Amino acid sequence: MQNGVYPNGLVTAKETAPLLRVSEGTLRVWRKKQQGPPFLDREGRIYYRYADLESWLDKIRTVPDQG
């Protein structure tokens, strides 16, 4: 992911879904269950900070044993 595409650092749920390769419905379920990446709710409009998406992906990443 490279943030140059999103100059203000915010992406909508519609833009986020393909970045994470999930549906908008999955994002909605994650929000209701307090799972998934952090999000902003601005008067009912959902946004994700691009930096938060990258951090969340790093957090859930699995690194196989090298040995």
C-alpha atoms as a PDB file:
ATOM      1  CA  MET A   1       0.000   0.000   0.000  1.00  0.00           C
ATOM      2  CA  GLN A   2       1.249   3.446  -0.780  1.00  0.00           C
ATOM      3  CA  ASN A   3      -0.427   6.524   0.634  1.00  0.00           C
ATOM      4  CA  GLY A   4       0.319   8.766  -2.368  1.00  0.00           C
ATOM      5  CA  VAL A   5      -3.097   7.852  -3.768  1.00  0.00           C
ATOM      6  CA  TYR A   6      -4.880   9.277  -0.707  1.00  0.00           C
ATOM      7  CA  PRO A   7      -3.431  12.747  -0.085  1.00  0.00           C
ATOM      8  CA  ASN A   8      -5.511  13.472   3.043  1.00  0.00           C
ATOM      9  CA  GLY A   9      -4.792  10.022   4.499  1.00  0.00           C
ATOM     10  CA  LEU A  10      -8.480   9.092   4.782  1.00  0.00           C
ATOM     11  CA  VAL A  11     -10.305   6.434   2.792  1.00  0.00           C
ATOM     12  CA  THR A  12     -13.976   5.514   2.782  1.00  0.00           C
ATOM     13  CA  ALA A  13     -15.277   2.056   3.636  1.00  0.00           C
ATOM     14  CA  LYS A  14     -15.958   1.564  -0.079  1.00  0.00           C
ATOM     15  CA  GLU A  15     -12.311   2.335  -0.866  1.00  0.00           C
ATOM     16  CA  THR A  16     -11.029   0.297   2.086  1.00  0.00           C
ATOM     17  CA  ALA A  17     -12.822  -2.951   1.233  1.00  0.00           C
ATOM     18  CA  PRO A  18     -10.801  -3.733  -1.912  1.00  0.00           C
ATOM     19  CA  LEU A  19      -7.570  -2.650  -0.221  1.00  0.00           C
ATOM     20  CA  LEU A  20      -8.148  -5.322   2.434  1.00  0.00           C
ATOM     21  CA  ARG A  21      -9.776  -7.727  -0.039  1.00  0.00           C
ATOM     22  CA  VAL A  22     -12.970  -7.974   1.982  1.00  0.00           C
ATOM     23  CA  SER A  23     -16.516  -6.785   1.338  1.00  0.00           C
ATOM     24  CA  GLU A  24     -18.044  -3.604   2.725  1.00  0.00           C
ATOM     25  CA  GLY A  25     -20.374  -5.927   4.649  1.00  0.00           C
ATOM     26  CA  THR A  26     -17.393  -7.552   6.342  1.00  0.00           C
ATOM     27  CA  LEU A  27     -16.097  -4.125   7.367  1.00  0.00           C
ATOM     28  CA  ARG A  28     -19.545  -3.304   8.785  1.00  0.00           C
ATOM     29  CA  VAL A  29     -19.615  -6.532  10.814  1.00  0.00           C
ATOM     30  CA  TRP A  30     -16.101  -5.891  12.101  1.00  0.00           C
ATOM     31  CA  ARG A  31     -17.101  -2.385  13.225  1.00  0.00           C
ATOM     32  CA  LYS A  32     -20.161  -3.696  15.079  1.00  0.00           C
ATOM     33  CA  LYS A  33     -18.053  -6.383  16.768  1.00  0.00           C
ATOM     34  CA  GLN A  34     -15.255  -3.917  17.561  1.00  0.00           C
ATOM     35  CA  GLN A  35     -12.881  -5.915  15.351  1.00  0.00           C
ATOM     36  CA  GLY A  36     -10.827  -4.979  12.332  1.00  0.00           C
ATOM     37  CA  PRO A  37      -8.923  -1.765  11.740  1.00  0.00           C
ATOM     38  CA  PRO A  38      -9.673   1.450  13.669  1.00  0.00           C
ATOM     39  CA  PHE A  39     -12.183   3.744  11.974  1.00  0.00           C
ATOM     40  CA  LEU A  40     -13.686   7.208  12.220  1.00  0.00           C
ATOM     41  CA  ASP A  41     -17.427   7.828  12.310  1.00  0.00           C
ATOM     42  CA  ARG A  42     -18.134  11.364  11.159  1.00  0.00           C
ATOM     43  CA  GLU A  43     -21.877  11.936  11.412  1.00  0.00           C
ATOM     44  CA  GLY A  44     -22.606   8.448  10.079  1.00  0.00           C
ATOM     45  CA  ARG A  45     -19.928   8.526   7.404  1.00  0.00           C
ATOM     46  CA  ILE A  46     -17.221   5.931   7.961  1.00  0.00           C
ATOM     47  CA  TYR A  47     -13.571   6.633   7.203  1.00  0.00           C
ATOM     48  CA  TYR A  48     -10.340   4.787   7.790  1.00  0.00           C
ATOM     49  CA  ARG A  49      -6.944   6.405   8.201  1.00  0.00           C
ATOM     50  CA  TYR A  50      -4.562   4.909   5.699  1.00  0.00           C
ATOM     51  CA  ALA A  51      -1.810   4.768   8.339  1.00  0.00           C
ATOM     52  CA  ASP A  52      -4.162   2.809  10.644  1.00  0.00           C
ATOM     53  CA  LEU A  53      -4.821   0.274   7.884  1.00  0.00           C
ATOM     54  CA  GLU A  54      -1.100  -0.294   7.415  1.00  0.00           C
ATOM     55  CA  SER A  55      -0.551  -0.611  11.176  1.00  0.00           C
ATOM     56  CA  TRP A  56      -3.453  -3.023  11.549  1.00  0.00           C
ATOM     57  CA  LEU A  57      -2.153  -5.195   8.712  1.00  0.00           C
ATOM     58  CA  ASP A  58       1.281  -5.272  10.351  1.00  0.00           C
ATOM     59  CA  LYS A  59      -0.346  -6.248  13.654  1.00  0.00           C
ATOM     60  CA  ILE A  60      -2.252  -9.232  12.205  1.00  0.00           C
ATOM     61  CA  ARG A  61       0.583 -10.409   9.975  1.00  0.00           C
ATOM     62  CA  THR A  62       1.858 -13.931  10.552  1.00  0.00           C
ATOM     63  CA  VAL A  63       5.545 -14.578  10.117  1.00  0.00           C
ATOM     64  CA  PRO A  64       6.416 -18.257   9.658  1.00  0.00           C
ATOM     65  CA  ASP A  65       9.220 -19.806  11.679  1.00  0.00           C
ATOM     66  CA  GLN A  66      12.515 -19.751   9.854  1.00  0.00           C
ATOM     67  CA  GLY A  67      13.885 -22.792  11.520  1.00  0.00           C
END
